[in-house]
Amino acid sequence: MNTNIARKIKVCVDQMVPKEHDYEIYTSDTGIDDMLVLRIITNAWRKLGKAERIAKVQSSVLRKLEAPEKKSIFRFSVVTPEEWREIRLQFVGDKPKLLGYRRSSIATH
């Protein structure tokens, strides 16, 4: 992933996720051109449905990217740490790459 796109995504997610919550950002190759799946793991919006979490992050991130940069993201995923543990068990081959994270000293789990 282009470092400029990665920086924009990290800044956007950092601004979105409430300071009292941790998060991790992962990317996974899709095997389609240079497109990636962008995953945000956080407890921040655990009471929202998956579609609501995705829409929240997707609309915010896409507003920050230029048209060619948007084309590198195949889809968004926003999951809780518990959901992430289940998803990771299904990975075969290339593992997701850590793009960024925040470990808040005031985070509650």
N, C-alpha and C. Protein backbone atom coordinates (compact mmCIF):
# COMPACT_ATOMS: atom_id res chain seq x y z
N MET A 1 0.84 -1.18 0.00
CA MET A 1 0.00 0.00 0.00
C MET A 1 0.89 1.24 0.00
N ASN A 2 0.51 2.17 -0.81
CA ASN A 2 1.19 3.46 -0.90
C ASN A 2 1.26 4.10 0.49
N THR A 3 2.43 4.62 0.85
CA THR A 3 2.60 5.21 2.18
C THR A 3 1.72 6.44 2.39
N ASN A 4 1.44 7.18 1.32
CA ASN A 4 0.57 8.35 1.45
C ASN A 4 -0.86 7.93 1.79
N ILE A 5 -1.34 6.87 1.14
CA ILE A 5 -2.68 6.36 1.44
C ILE A 5 -2.72 5.82 2.86
N ALA A 6 -1.70 5.06 3.24
CA ALA A 6 -1.63 4.49 4.59
C ALA A 6 -1.67 5.59 5.64
N ARG A 7 -0.92 6.66 5.42
CA ARG A 7 -0.90 7.78 6.37
C ARG A 7 -2.29 8.41 6.48
N LYS A 8 -2.94 8.63 5.36
CA LYS A 8 -4.28 9.23 5.38
C LYS A 8 -5.27 8.36 6.14
N ILE A 9 -5.19 7.06 5.91
CA ILE A 9 -6.09 6.13 6.59
C ILE A 9 -5.81 6.13 8.09
N LYS A 10 -4.55 6.06 8.48
CA LYS A 10 -4.20 6.06 9.91
C LYS A 10 -4.68 7.32 10.61
N VAL A 11 -4.48 8.47 9.98
CA VAL A 11 -4.91 9.75 10.58
C VAL A 11 -6.43 9.77 10.72
N CYS A 12 -7.12 9.35 9.69
CA CYS A 12 -8.58 9.37 9.70
C CYS A 12 -9.14 8.45 10.80
N VAL A 13 -8.63 7.22 10.87
CA VAL A 13 -9.11 6.28 11.89
C VAL A 13 -8.77 6.79 13.28
N ASP A 14 -7.58 7.34 13.45
CA ASP A 14 -7.19 7.87 14.76
C ASP A 14 -8.13 8.99 15.21
N GLN A 15 -8.56 9.82 14.29
CA GLN A 15 -9.49 10.90 14.61
C GLN A 15 -10.90 10.39 14.89
N MET A 16 -11.29 9.31 14.23
CA MET A 16 -12.64 8.77 14.37
C MET A 16 -12.86 8.00 15.67
N VAL A 17 -11.90 7.12 15.97
CA VAL A 17 -12.08 6.25 17.14
C VAL A 17 -11.91 7.08 18.41
N PRO A 18 -12.91 7.03 19.31
CA PRO A 18 -12.80 7.78 20.56
C PRO A 18 -11.50 7.45 21.29
N LYS A 19 -10.91 8.47 21.90
CA LYS A 19 -9.59 8.32 22.53
C LYS A 19 -9.53 7.25 23.60
N GLU A 20 -10.66 6.92 24.21
CA GLU A 20 -10.65 5.92 25.27
C GLU A 20 -10.65 4.48 24.73
N HIS A 21 -10.66 4.33 23.41
CA HIS A 21 -10.69 2.99 22.81
C HIS A 21 -9.41 2.70 22.02
N ASP A 22 -8.98 1.45 22.12
CA ASP A 22 -7.87 0.96 21.31
C ASP A 22 -8.38 0.65 19.91
N TYR A 23 -7.45 0.54 18.97
CA TYR A 23 -7.80 0.04 17.64
C TYR A 23 -6.56 -0.53 16.99
N GLU A 24 -6.78 -1.36 16.00
CA GLU A 24 -5.73 -1.87 15.12
C GLU A 24 -6.26 -1.76 13.71
N ILE A 25 -5.38 -1.49 12.76
CA ILE A 25 -5.75 -1.41 11.35
C ILE A 25 -4.91 -2.46 10.61
N TYR A 26 -5.57 -3.34 9.89
CA TYR A 26 -4.90 -4.36 9.10
C TYR A 26 -5.31 -4.25 7.64
N THR A 27 -4.40 -4.65 6.76
CA THR A 27 -4.73 -4.80 5.35
C THR A 27 -4.46 -6.23 4.94
N SER A 28 -5.26 -6.72 4.02
CA SER A 28 -5.07 -8.06 3.46
C SER A 28 -5.17 -7.96 1.95
N ASP A 29 -4.27 -8.64 1.26
CA ASP A 29 -4.34 -8.68 -0.20
C ASP A 29 -5.56 -9.47 -0.64
N THR A 30 -6.17 -9.02 -1.74
CA THR A 30 -7.34 -9.73 -2.28
C THR A 30 -6.95 -10.68 -3.40
N GLY A 31 -5.79 -10.44 -4.02
CA GLY A 31 -5.41 -11.21 -5.19
C GLY A 31 -5.97 -10.62 -6.47
N ILE A 32 -6.70 -9.52 -6.33
CA ILE A 32 -7.27 -8.81 -7.48
C ILE A 32 -6.48 -7.52 -7.66
N ASP A 33 -5.71 -7.46 -8.74
CA ASP A 33 -4.84 -6.30 -8.98
C ASP A 33 -4.07 -5.99 -7.70
N ASP A 34 -4.05 -4.73 -7.29
CA ASP A 34 -3.39 -4.33 -6.05
C ASP A 34 -4.40 -3.94 -4.99
N MET A 35 -5.58 -4.53 -5.06
CA MET A 35 -6.65 -4.15 -4.14
C MET A 35 -6.52 -4.85 -2.79
N LEU A 36 -6.93 -4.13 -1.74
CA LEU A 36 -6.80 -4.62 -0.37
C LEU A 36 -8.12 -4.58 0.37
N VAL A 37 -8.23 -5.44 1.38
CA VAL A 37 -9.30 -5.35 2.36
C VAL A 37 -8.73 -4.56 3.52
N LEU A 38 -9.45 -3.54 3.96
CA LEU A 38 -9.02 -2.71 5.08
C LEU A 38 -9.86 -3.09 6.29
N ARG A 39 -9.20 -3.55 7.36
CA ARG A 39 -9.91 -3.99 8.57
C ARG A 39 -9.53 -3.12 9.75
N ILE A 40 -10.54 -2.66 10.47
CA ILE A 40 -10.36 -1.90 11.70
C ILE A 40 -10.89 -2.78 12.83
N ILE A 41 -10.07 -3.02 13.84
CA ILE A 41 -10.48 -3.82 14.99
C ILE A 41 -10.56 -2.88 16.18
N THR A 42 -11.75 -2.75 16.74
CA THR A 42 -11.96 -1.86 17.89
C THR A 42 -13.25 -2.22 18.61
N ASN A 43 -13.30 -1.88 19.88
CA ASN A 43 -14.52 -2.02 20.68
C ASN A 43 -15.37 -0.75 20.61
N ALA A 44 -14.88 0.27 19.93
CA ALA A 44 -15.50 1.59 19.97
C ALA A 44 -16.98 1.59 19.62
N TRP A 45 -17.37 0.83 18.63
CA TRP A 45 -18.77 0.86 18.17
C TRP A 45 -19.41 -0.51 18.28
N ARG A 46 -19.07 -1.24 19.30
CA ARG A 46 -19.53 -2.62 19.43
C ARG A 46 -21.04 -2.76 19.50
N LYS A 47 -21.73 -1.72 19.92
CA LYS A 47 -23.20 -1.80 20.02
C LYS A 47 -23.89 -1.54 18.68
N LEU A 48 -23.12 -1.08 17.70
CA LEU A 48 -23.68 -0.88 16.36
C LEU A 48 -23.60 -2.19 15.58
N GLY A 49 -24.45 -2.34 14.61
CA GLY A 49 -24.39 -3.50 13.73
C GLY A 49 -23.16 -3.40 12.82
N LYS A 50 -22.78 -4.52 12.23
CA LYS A 50 -21.60 -4.53 11.36
C LYS A 50 -21.74 -3.54 10.21
N ALA A 51 -22.90 -3.50 9.58
CA ALA A 51 -23.10 -2.60 8.44
C ALA A 51 -22.97 -1.13 8.88
N GLU A 52 -23.47 -0.80 10.06
CA GLU A 52 -23.36 0.57 10.56
C GLU A 52 -21.91 0.94 10.85
N ARG A 53 -21.17 0.01 11.44
CA ARG A 53 -19.75 0.27 11.72
C ARG A 53 -18.98 0.50 10.42
N ILE A 54 -19.22 -0.36 9.45
CA ILE A 54 -18.53 -0.24 8.17
C ILE A 54 -18.87 1.07 7.49
N ALA A 55 -20.14 1.42 7.45
CA ALA A 55 -20.56 2.67 6.80
C ALA A 55 -19.92 3.88 7.47
N LYS A 56 -19.83 3.86 8.77
CA LYS A 56 -19.22 4.96 9.53
C LYS A 56 -17.76 5.16 9.12
N VAL A 57 -17.00 4.09 9.09
CA VAL A 57 -15.58 4.17 8.75
C VAL A 57 -15.39 4.43 7.26
N GLN A 58 -16.12 3.71 6.45
CA GLN A 58 -15.96 3.83 5.00
C GLN A 58 -16.24 5.26 4.53
N SER A 59 -17.32 5.86 4.99
CA SER A 59 -17.63 7.22 4.53
C SER A 59 -16.57 8.22 4.97
N SER A 60 -16.06 8.05 6.17
CA SER A 60 -15.04 8.96 6.69
C SER A 60 -13.72 8.81 5.93
N VAL A 61 -13.28 7.57 5.74
CA VAL A 61 -12.00 7.32 5.07
C VAL A 61 -12.08 7.74 3.60
N LEU A 62 -13.14 7.39 2.92
CA LEU A 62 -13.24 7.70 1.50
C LEU A 62 -13.27 9.20 1.22
N ARG A 63 -13.79 9.97 2.17
CA ARG A 63 -13.78 11.43 2.01
C ARG A 63 -12.36 12.00 2.00
N LYS A 64 -11.42 11.30 2.61
CA LYS A 64 -10.04 11.77 2.72
C LYS A 64 -9.15 11.33 1.56
N LEU A 65 -9.62 10.38 0.76
CA LEU A 65 -8.79 9.83 -0.32
C LEU A 65 -9.16 10.41 -1.67
N GLU A 66 -8.16 10.49 -2.53
CA GLU A 66 -8.38 10.91 -3.92
C GLU A 66 -8.96 9.72 -4.69
N ALA A 67 -9.58 9.98 -5.83
CA ALA A 67 -10.24 8.93 -6.62
C ALA A 67 -9.31 7.74 -6.92
N PRO A 68 -8.07 7.97 -7.38
CA PRO A 68 -7.20 6.81 -7.65
C PRO A 68 -6.85 6.02 -6.38
N GLU A 69 -6.76 6.70 -5.25
CA GLU A 69 -6.44 6.03 -3.98
C GLU A 69 -7.60 5.14 -3.53
N LYS A 70 -8.81 5.59 -3.77
CA LYS A 70 -10.00 4.81 -3.38
C LYS A 70 -10.04 3.47 -4.09
N LYS A 71 -9.50 3.43 -5.30
CA LYS A 71 -9.54 2.21 -6.10
C LYS A 71 -8.69 1.09 -5.51
N SER A 72 -7.80 1.41 -4.58
CA SER A 72 -6.95 0.37 -3.99
C SER A 72 -7.65 -0.37 -2.85
N ILE A 73 -8.80 0.13 -2.41
CA ILE A 73 -9.53 -0.53 -1.32
C ILE A 73 -10.69 -1.32 -1.89
N PHE A 74 -10.62 -2.62 -1.75
CA PHE A 74 -11.66 -3.52 -2.26
C PHE A 74 -12.90 -3.45 -1.37
N ARG A 75 -12.66 -3.54 -0.05
CA ARG A 75 -13.77 -3.43 0.90
C ARG A 75 -13.25 -3.08 2.28
N PHE A 76 -14.18 -2.67 3.13
CA PHE A 76 -13.89 -2.31 4.52
C PHE A 76 -14.49 -3.36 5.43
N SER A 77 -13.85 -3.54 6.58
CA SER A 77 -14.35 -4.43 7.61
C SER A 77 -14.06 -3.75 8.95
N VAL A 78 -15.08 -3.68 9.81
CA VAL A 78 -14.91 -3.10 11.14
C VAL A 78 -15.47 -4.12 12.12
N VAL A 79 -14.57 -4.70 12.92
CA VAL A 79 -14.96 -5.78 13.81
C VAL A 79 -14.43 -5.55 15.23
N THR A 80 -15.05 -6.25 16.16
CA THR A 80 -14.58 -6.21 17.54
C THR A 80 -13.40 -7.18 17.68
N PRO A 81 -12.62 -7.05 18.75
CA PRO A 81 -11.51 -7.99 18.95
C PRO A 81 -11.97 -9.46 18.99
N GLU A 82 -13.14 -9.71 19.55
CA GLU A 82 -13.66 -11.08 19.60
C GLU A 82 -13.96 -11.60 18.19
N GLU A 83 -14.61 -10.77 17.38
CA GLU A 83 -14.89 -11.15 15.99
C GLU A 83 -13.60 -11.36 15.21
N TRP A 84 -12.60 -10.53 15.49
CA TRP A 84 -11.31 -10.63 14.80
C TRP A 84 -10.63 -11.96 15.09
N ARG A 85 -10.70 -12.41 16.33
CA ARG A 85 -10.09 -13.70 16.68
C ARG A 85 -10.70 -14.83 15.83
N GLU A 86 -12.00 -14.80 15.64
CA GLU A 86 -12.67 -15.81 14.82
C GLU A 86 -12.25 -15.71 13.35
N ILE A 87 -12.16 -14.51 12.83
CA ILE A 87 -11.78 -14.29 11.43
C ILE A 87 -10.36 -14.76 11.18
N ARG A 88 -9.46 -14.47 12.10
CA ARG A 88 -8.04 -14.84 11.92
C ARG A 88 -7.83 -16.34 11.81
N LEU A 89 -8.72 -17.11 12.43
CA LEU A 89 -8.61 -18.57 12.35
C LEU A 89 -8.84 -19.07 10.92
N GLN A 90 -9.50 -18.26 10.10
CA GLN A 90 -9.85 -18.67 8.74
C GLN A 90 -8.77 -18.33 7.71
N PHE A 91 -7.74 -17.56 8.10
CA PHE A 91 -6.71 -17.14 7.15
C PHE A 91 -5.83 -18.30 6.74
N VAL A 92 -5.58 -18.37 5.44
CA VAL A 92 -4.67 -19.35 4.87
C VAL A 92 -3.70 -18.56 3.99
N GLY A 93 -2.43 -18.90 4.04
CA GLY A 93 -1.46 -18.18 3.20
C GLY A 93 -1.04 -16.87 3.84
N ASP A 94 -1.05 -15.80 3.03
CA ASP A 94 -0.60 -14.50 3.50
C ASP A 94 -1.42 -14.03 4.70
N LYS A 95 -0.72 -13.58 5.71
CA LYS A 95 -1.37 -13.05 6.89
C LYS A 95 -1.64 -11.56 6.70
N PRO A 96 -2.65 -11.02 7.39
CA PRO A 96 -2.91 -9.58 7.30
C PRO A 96 -1.71 -8.78 7.78
N LYS A 97 -1.53 -7.60 7.20
CA LYS A 97 -0.42 -6.73 7.58
C LYS A 97 -0.93 -5.61 8.47
N LEU A 98 -0.25 -5.38 9.58
CA LEU A 98 -0.62 -4.32 10.50
C LEU A 98 -0.26 -2.98 9.88
N LEU A 99 -1.25 -2.10 9.76
CA LEU A 99 -1.05 -0.78 9.18
C LEU A 99 -0.86 0.27 10.27
N GLY A 100 -1.56 0.12 11.38
CA GLY A 100 -1.45 1.07 12.49
C GLY A 100 -2.25 0.59 13.67
N TYR A 101 -2.06 1.25 14.81
CA TYR A 101 -2.78 0.88 16.02
C TYR A 101 -2.69 1.98 17.05
N ARG A 102 -3.56 1.90 18.08
CA ARG A 102 -3.46 2.77 19.26
C ARG A 102 -3.75 1.91 20.47
N ARG A 103 -2.89 2.01 21.42
CA ARG A 103 -3.09 1.38 22.73
C ARG A 103 -3.22 2.51 23.72
N SER A 104 -4.43 2.78 24.10
CA SER A 104 -4.70 3.90 24.99
C SER A 104 -4.49 3.49 26.44
N SER A 105 -3.85 4.35 27.19
CA SER A 105 -3.66 4.05 28.61
C SER A 105 -4.97 4.18 29.36
N ILE A 106 -5.97 4.83 28.74
CA ILE A 106 -7.27 4.96 29.40
C ILE A 106 -8.31 4.06 28.76
N ALA A 107 -7.88 3.16 27.85
CA ALA A 107 -8.81 2.29 27.16
C ALA A 107 -9.48 1.34 28.13
N THR A 108 -10.75 1.11 27.90
CA THR A 108 -11.50 0.15 28.70
C THR A 108 -11.85 -1.03 27.83
N HIS A 109 -11.80 -2.21 28.40
CA HIS A 109 -12.09 -3.41 27.61
C HIS A 109 -13.31 -4.07 28.13
